[in-house]
Each structure stands twice: as structure tokens, then as C-alpha cells.
Amino acid sequence: MKVLIVEDEELAVKKLQKTLQSVDPTAEVVGITDSIRSSVKWLQENQAPDLILMDIELADGQSFEIFDRVEVNSTVVFTTSYDEYALKAFKVNSVDYLLKPVQKEDLENALQKFHRMKKLLKGSEPGGNLNMENLVKELQQRLQPKDYRKRFLVKQGQKLVSVEVEEIAYFYSDGRVNFFKTRDNRKYIVDYTMDELEAMLDPDSFFRISRSFYVSIESVEQIHDYFGNRLLLHLVPMLDKESIVSREKVTDFKRWMGK
């Protein structure tokens, strides 16, 4: 098994090499790179290794950039200092990660998993390797939290005012116009579609209960069963428009409320 190590800490490289040899004496380290630039160059000039042990944080940026610059035809096991909770779902998706400092047992388990995957994928894809693109994108999203909208600039008569997102109780559509209400019952027109708002709002704080309604978790005062397997919400401040959780959203809404 040919292995490339991507790591910018010299001591970490030595420890990883030593641990790798103790776990699999037949493993051959065919290259060591310490940056995005040197890794891209190495992958362009050499045959793809069977496995890459890749640190996420490198001196010149996060190693995800490597995948943007060169095609990676190897299975990758990431090494990282990020906490296990943040990566739990990613691990389920059949690519592994190792918390630093890398322990022998963890590396051994990762290599066993690698060999099992190779057997399963042999003949199903060129080179029998994982499709890394989607997996890397998912990990990148988890480790690079999105910068959600913090405030909206809206019209109030002849002037513009800035309203903090934390002050907003809910967004809703009334015909072709979208509005939001603040917790103290002020109402403003918002110049964004519901789809655009979906990309701006933190999903931990706001939930889209239907095509025309976005509610903050603090605005939900009561929840009632409603016909058609839907839910009826009582919101604060009150609104002269029914706020109904659509049937296909009910399960996710309950999960969101119970976080």
C-alpha cells in the first residue's frame, strides 16, 4: 500500500510514519508534502497513491483547496484537531478521520476500513476508490460554518432602518409581497424572496414551515394538531394569517423544535 502524507508539522509527520509502520509494516510512504501548493504539485507529477493521510489545516490554508486544483484519485483519511461531534455524520459516509495526535488503534481501524472499502469497490469504479468530491464538500461545509445574515436594511417611511435578525419573530408572504414582524410587533417589507431568505437565515434559529412562512423558534408560543396531518402554530406577536406547518415539513419541524 502506497501512502502520501500531507502534514505541515514535522513532529506530526514523524509520529504518523512511526505509527503507520507499527500498524502496517508493508505500507510505503511514497511522499510527504506540507502545503496545498506542494501537495498539488506532487499529485500532478506522481502516480496516485492508494491512500492519502491528509491534515485539514495546513500552513497556506485548508487542504480542501487541493481538491479544487487537482483531481484526487486516492482514498483520503483526514487528520484533524476538530472535535468528534462536528465530524460524526461525515464518518458515517464511509470516509474516515483521525483526531490528532493520531493514536495507533485509530489508525489501525482506519486502515482496516480502507481495505474493506477497496474490496467492496473493486471493479465498480476506476481504481476502486471512493468518489471523494461530495464527501469533501460535506466536510468543508461542516468545518466552515456559513456566515448567516445578521441584520436587514428596510424602509420606514422616507428613511432606512437596520433591524437585527435577533429582533425578528417571523417572515411571511402576503400575495406578492414579503414581510417580517419583529418581536415588538413592528412590520416591514423585505425585498427578498422566501428562497433567498432560506440561504440567509440560520437554520438553528429559523424554520420554513411552508412556502410562505418562516418562523423563529422564539416566536412559537403554542403548537396544535391540524387537519391533513399538519400543525397550526400560535405565534407571538399575533398575526391575522394562519401559520400552518405543511404536512411534508411536520417531522423536520418537530425535530427542529426539540433540538
Protein backbone atom coordinates (compact mmCIF):
# COMPACT_ATOMS: atom_id res chain seq x y z
CA MET A 1 0.00 0.00 0.00
CA LYS A 2 1.46 3.32 -1.13
CA VAL A 3 0.74 6.28 1.15
CA LEU A 4 1.11 10.04 0.76
CA ILE A 5 1.31 12.10 3.96
CA VAL A 6 0.09 15.71 3.79
CA GLU A 7 1.13 17.37 7.05
CA ASP A 8 2.96 20.61 7.86
CA GLU A 9 4.18 19.72 11.36
CA GLU A 10 7.46 17.84 11.34
CA LEU A 11 6.85 16.07 14.65
CA ALA A 12 3.39 15.01 13.50
CA VAL A 13 4.88 13.57 10.31
CA LYS A 14 7.42 11.51 12.26
CA LYS A 15 4.80 10.23 14.67
CA LEU A 16 2.45 9.36 11.81
CA GLN A 17 5.19 7.47 9.96
CA LYS A 18 6.13 5.54 13.10
CA THR A 19 2.52 4.70 13.88
CA LEU A 20 1.85 3.67 10.29
CA GLN A 21 4.80 1.29 10.28
CA SER A 22 3.72 -0.29 13.55
CA VAL A 23 0.21 -0.85 12.20
CA ASP A 24 1.17 -1.98 8.68
CA PRO A 25 4.88 -2.72 8.08
CA THR A 26 4.15 -3.23 4.36
CA ALA A 27 2.87 0.35 3.96
CA GLU A 28 5.21 2.50 1.89
CA VAL A 29 5.28 6.27 2.38
CA VAL A 30 5.90 7.47 -1.18
CA GLY A 31 5.72 11.18 -0.45
CA ILE A 32 5.41 13.85 2.22
CA THR A 33 4.05 17.31 1.47
CA ASP A 34 3.47 20.23 3.82
CA SER A 35 1.23 22.66 1.94
CA ILE A 36 -1.57 22.97 -0.57
CA ARG A 37 0.85 24.04 -3.27
CA SER A 38 3.35 21.23 -2.73
CA SER A 39 0.56 18.65 -2.47
CA VAL A 40 -0.98 19.74 -5.77
CA LYS A 41 2.45 19.63 -7.43
CA TRP A 42 3.17 16.16 -6.03
CA LEU A 43 -0.19 14.77 -7.19
CA GLN A 44 0.30 16.25 -10.66
CA GLU A 45 3.75 14.73 -11.05
CA ASN A 46 3.30 11.32 -9.44
CA GLN A 47 1.10 8.27 -9.75
CA ALA A 48 -1.87 8.38 -7.40
CA PRO A 49 -1.11 6.61 -4.09
CA ASP A 50 -3.53 4.10 -2.61
CA LEU A 51 -4.14 6.28 0.42
CA ILE A 52 -3.56 9.87 1.50
CA LEU A 53 -3.28 10.80 5.17
CA MET A 54 -4.19 14.47 4.96
CA ASP A 55 -4.18 17.13 7.67
CA ILE A 56 -7.04 19.60 7.25
CA GLU A 57 -5.22 22.71 8.49
CA LEU A 58 -2.06 23.46 6.51
CA ALA A 59 0.20 26.50 6.65
CA ASP A 60 -1.26 28.00 3.47
CA GLY A 61 -4.92 27.16 4.08
CA GLN A 62 -7.31 24.25 4.44
CA SER A 63 -6.45 21.14 2.46
CA PHE A 64 -9.88 21.15 0.78
CA GLU A 65 -8.34 23.52 -1.77
CA ILE A 66 -6.24 20.64 -3.05
CA PHE A 67 -9.39 19.02 -4.46
CA ASP A 68 -10.24 22.22 -6.32
CA ARG A 69 -6.86 22.37 -8.01
CA VAL A 70 -6.14 18.76 -8.93
CA GLU A 71 -8.08 15.54 -9.42
CA VAL A 72 -7.54 13.28 -6.42
CA ASN A 73 -7.84 9.61 -7.36
CA SER A 74 -6.98 8.22 -3.95
CA THR A 75 -8.90 7.40 -0.83
CA VAL A 76 -8.32 10.08 1.80
CA VAL A 77 -8.23 9.77 5.58
CA PHE A 78 -8.21 13.19 7.19
CA THR A 79 -6.30 14.07 10.33
CA THR A 80 -7.74 16.90 12.34
CA SER A 81 -7.93 18.65 15.68
CA TYR A 82 -11.67 19.29 15.32
CA ASP A 83 -13.95 17.70 17.85
CA GLU A 84 -15.59 14.37 17.13
CA TYR A 85 -19.15 15.69 17.30
CA ALA A 86 -18.63 18.02 14.36
CA LEU A 87 -17.47 15.13 12.17
CA LYS A 88 -19.74 12.34 13.33
CA ALA A 89 -22.06 12.41 10.32
CA PHE A 90 -19.16 12.64 7.92
CA LYS A 91 -17.59 9.50 9.35
CA VAL A 92 -20.79 7.60 8.69
CA ASN A 93 -20.37 8.37 4.98
CA SER A 94 -17.52 5.88 4.61
CA VAL A 95 -14.52 8.16 4.74
CA ASP A 96 -12.56 8.30 7.96
CA TYR A 97 -10.84 10.95 10.03
CA LEU A 98 -8.29 10.75 12.82
CA LEU A 99 -8.14 13.10 15.76
CA LYS A 100 -4.67 14.48 16.43
CA PRO A 101 -2.45 13.30 17.96
CA VAL A 102 -3.08 10.16 15.93
CA GLN A 103 -3.29 7.02 18.05
CA LYS A 104 -2.20 3.57 16.87
CA GLU A 105 -5.60 1.98 17.44
CA ASP A 106 -7.38 4.72 15.50
CA LEU A 107 -5.03 4.44 12.54
CA GLU A 108 -5.33 0.67 12.58
CA ASN A 109 -9.11 0.90 12.46
CA ALA A 110 -8.93 3.43 9.62
CA LEU A 111 -6.66 1.19 7.56
CA GLN A 112 -8.92 -1.80 8.13
CA LYS A 113 -11.83 0.28 6.96
CA PHE A 114 -9.82 1.39 3.92
CA HIS A 115 -9.07 -2.22 2.94
CA ARG A 116 -12.72 -3.22 3.36
CA MET A 117 -13.80 -0.36 1.11
CA LYS A 118 -11.25 -1.31 -1.53
CA LYS A 119 -12.66 -4.84 -1.64
CA LEU A 120 -16.23 -3.60 -1.88
CA LEU A 121 -15.46 -1.06 -4.59
CA LYS A 122 -13.06 -3.19 -6.61
CA GLY A 123 -14.26 -3.27 -10.18
CA SER A 124 -17.12 -0.85 -9.57
CA GLU A 125 -15.10 2.32 -10.21
CA PRO A 126 -11.82 3.11 -11.96
CA GLY A 127 -9.12 2.39 -9.43
CA GLY A 128 -11.70 1.19 -6.90
CA ASN A 129 -11.59 4.46 -4.99
CA LEU A 130 -14.31 6.47 -3.32
CA ASN A 131 -15.96 9.37 -5.07
CA MET A 132 -14.39 11.97 -2.81
CA GLU A 133 -15.96 15.12 -4.26
CA ASN A 134 -19.28 15.03 -2.40
CA LEU A 135 -17.67 13.80 0.79
CA VAL A 136 -15.12 16.60 0.81
CA LYS A 137 -17.83 19.20 0.14
CA GLU A 138 -19.82 17.92 3.09
CA LEU A 139 -16.84 18.04 5.43
CA GLN A 140 -15.93 21.51 4.18
CA GLN A 141 -19.41 22.75 4.96
CA ARG A 142 -19.24 21.32 8.47
CA LEU A 143 -15.88 22.87 9.25
CA GLN A 144 -16.55 26.21 7.59
CA PRO A 145 -19.79 27.46 9.21
CA LYS A 146 -21.83 29.70 6.97
CA ASP A 147 -21.94 33.41 7.76
CA TYR A 148 -25.67 33.98 8.10
CA ARG A 149 -27.41 37.34 7.79
CA LYS A 150 -27.17 39.42 10.97
CA ARG A 151 -29.46 42.32 10.03
CA PHE A 152 -31.79 43.65 7.33
CA LEU A 153 -31.92 47.19 5.95
CA VAL A 154 -35.58 48.11 5.40
CA LYS A 155 -37.69 51.17 4.63
CA GLN A 156 -39.60 53.03 7.33
CA GLY A 157 -41.47 55.88 5.71
CA GLN A 158 -38.90 58.05 3.97
CA LYS A 159 -35.90 56.60 5.78
CA LEU A 160 -33.98 53.35 6.03
CA VAL A 161 -33.57 51.46 9.28
CA SER A 162 -31.42 48.48 10.21
CA VAL A 163 -33.17 45.63 12.02
CA GLU A 164 -31.18 42.91 13.78
CA VAL A 165 -32.18 39.36 12.84
CA GLU A 166 -32.44 38.56 16.55
CA GLU A 167 -35.34 41.04 16.74
CA ILE A 168 -37.36 39.28 14.01
CA ALA A 169 -40.19 36.94 15.01
CA TYR A 170 -41.14 35.62 11.58
CA PHE A 171 -41.23 36.25 7.83
CA TYR A 172 -44.34 35.71 5.70
CA SER A 173 -45.78 36.31 2.25
CA ASP A 174 -48.97 38.22 1.59
CA GLY A 175 -49.63 37.91 -2.10
CA ARG A 176 -46.52 39.00 -3.98
CA VAL A 177 -45.03 40.97 -1.10
CA ASN A 178 -42.89 39.53 1.68
CA PHE A 179 -42.89 40.96 5.19
CA PHE A 180 -41.34 40.33 8.55
CA LYS A 181 -42.58 41.19 12.01
CA THR A 182 -40.34 41.96 14.94
CA ARG A 183 -40.91 40.68 18.43
CA ASP A 184 -42.27 44.08 19.45
CA ASN A 185 -44.82 43.87 16.60
CA ARG A 186 -43.22 46.21 14.04
CA LYS A 187 -43.92 45.23 10.44
CA TYR A 188 -41.60 45.79 7.46
CA ILE A 189 -41.44 44.85 3.80
CA VAL A 190 -38.42 42.71 2.98
CA ASP A 191 -37.01 42.79 -0.56
CA TYR A 192 -36.08 39.11 -0.78
CA THR A 193 -37.94 36.00 -1.91
CA MET A 194 -38.54 33.14 0.51
CA ASP A 195 -35.97 31.04 -1.36
CA GLU A 196 -33.39 33.80 -0.98
CA LEU A 197 -34.19 34.10 2.73
CA GLU A 198 -33.61 30.38 3.13
CA ALA A 199 -29.95 30.87 2.24
CA MET A 200 -29.60 33.87 4.58
CA LEU A 201 -31.15 32.61 7.82
CA ASP A 202 -29.53 30.39 10.41
CA PRO A 203 -31.48 27.08 10.35
CA ASP A 204 -30.94 26.70 14.09
CA SER A 205 -32.99 29.85 14.68
CA PHE A 206 -35.46 29.94 11.77
CA PHE A 207 -37.56 27.24 10.12
CA ARG A 208 -39.54 27.40 6.90
CA ILE A 209 -42.88 25.85 7.83
CA SER A 210 -44.40 26.34 4.35
CA ARG A 211 -43.75 28.06 1.04
CA SER A 212 -44.87 31.38 2.51
CA PHE A 213 -43.78 31.29 6.14
CA TYR A 214 -40.50 31.40 8.07
CA VAL A 215 -40.69 31.38 11.87
CA SER A 216 -38.10 31.94 14.57
CA ILE A 217 -38.04 29.42 17.37
CA GLU A 218 -38.79 32.12 19.95
CA SER A 219 -41.99 33.14 18.14
CA VAL A 220 -43.68 29.74 18.53
CA GLU A 221 -45.98 30.01 21.56
CA GLN A 222 -48.26 27.01 21.00
CA ILE A 223 -48.47 24.04 18.62
CA HIS A 224 -51.77 22.34 17.77
CA ASP A 225 -52.71 19.39 15.58
CA TYR A 226 -54.45 20.48 12.39
CA PHE A 227 -56.39 18.54 9.78
CA GLY A 228 -54.49 16.93 6.95
CA ASN A 229 -51.68 15.79 9.29
CA ARG A 230 -50.50 19.37 9.60
CA LEU A 231 -49.77 21.62 12.57
CA LEU A 232 -51.22 25.00 13.49
CA LEU A 233 -48.92 27.43 15.28
CA HIS A 234 -49.83 30.26 17.60
CA LEU A 235 -47.15 32.88 17.14
CA VAL A 236 -46.10 35.95 19.10
CA PRO A 237 -46.77 38.61 18.15
CA MET A 238 -50.16 37.56 16.79
CA LEU A 239 -50.84 37.64 13.06
CA ASP A 240 -54.16 37.78 11.19
CA LYS A 241 -52.98 34.94 8.97
CA GLU A 242 -52.88 31.23 9.80
CA SER A 243 -49.37 29.86 10.31
CA ILE A 244 -49.60 26.20 9.32
CA VAL A 245 -46.76 23.69 9.15
CA SER A 246 -47.20 21.86 5.85
CA ARG A 247 -47.54 18.08 6.02
CA GLU A 248 -44.15 17.36 4.45
CA LYS A 249 -42.47 19.70 6.96
CA VAL A 250 -44.03 18.33 10.16
CA THR A 251 -41.37 15.73 11.00
CA ASP A 252 -38.48 18.12 10.43
CA PHE A 253 -40.27 20.87 12.33
CA LYS A 254 -40.76 18.64 15.38
CA ARG A 255 -37.10 17.67 15.26
CA TRP A 256 -36.10 21.35 14.97
CA MET A 257 -38.26 22.35 17.93
CA GLY A 258 -36.83 19.54 20.01
CA LYS A 259 -33.16 20.34 19.47
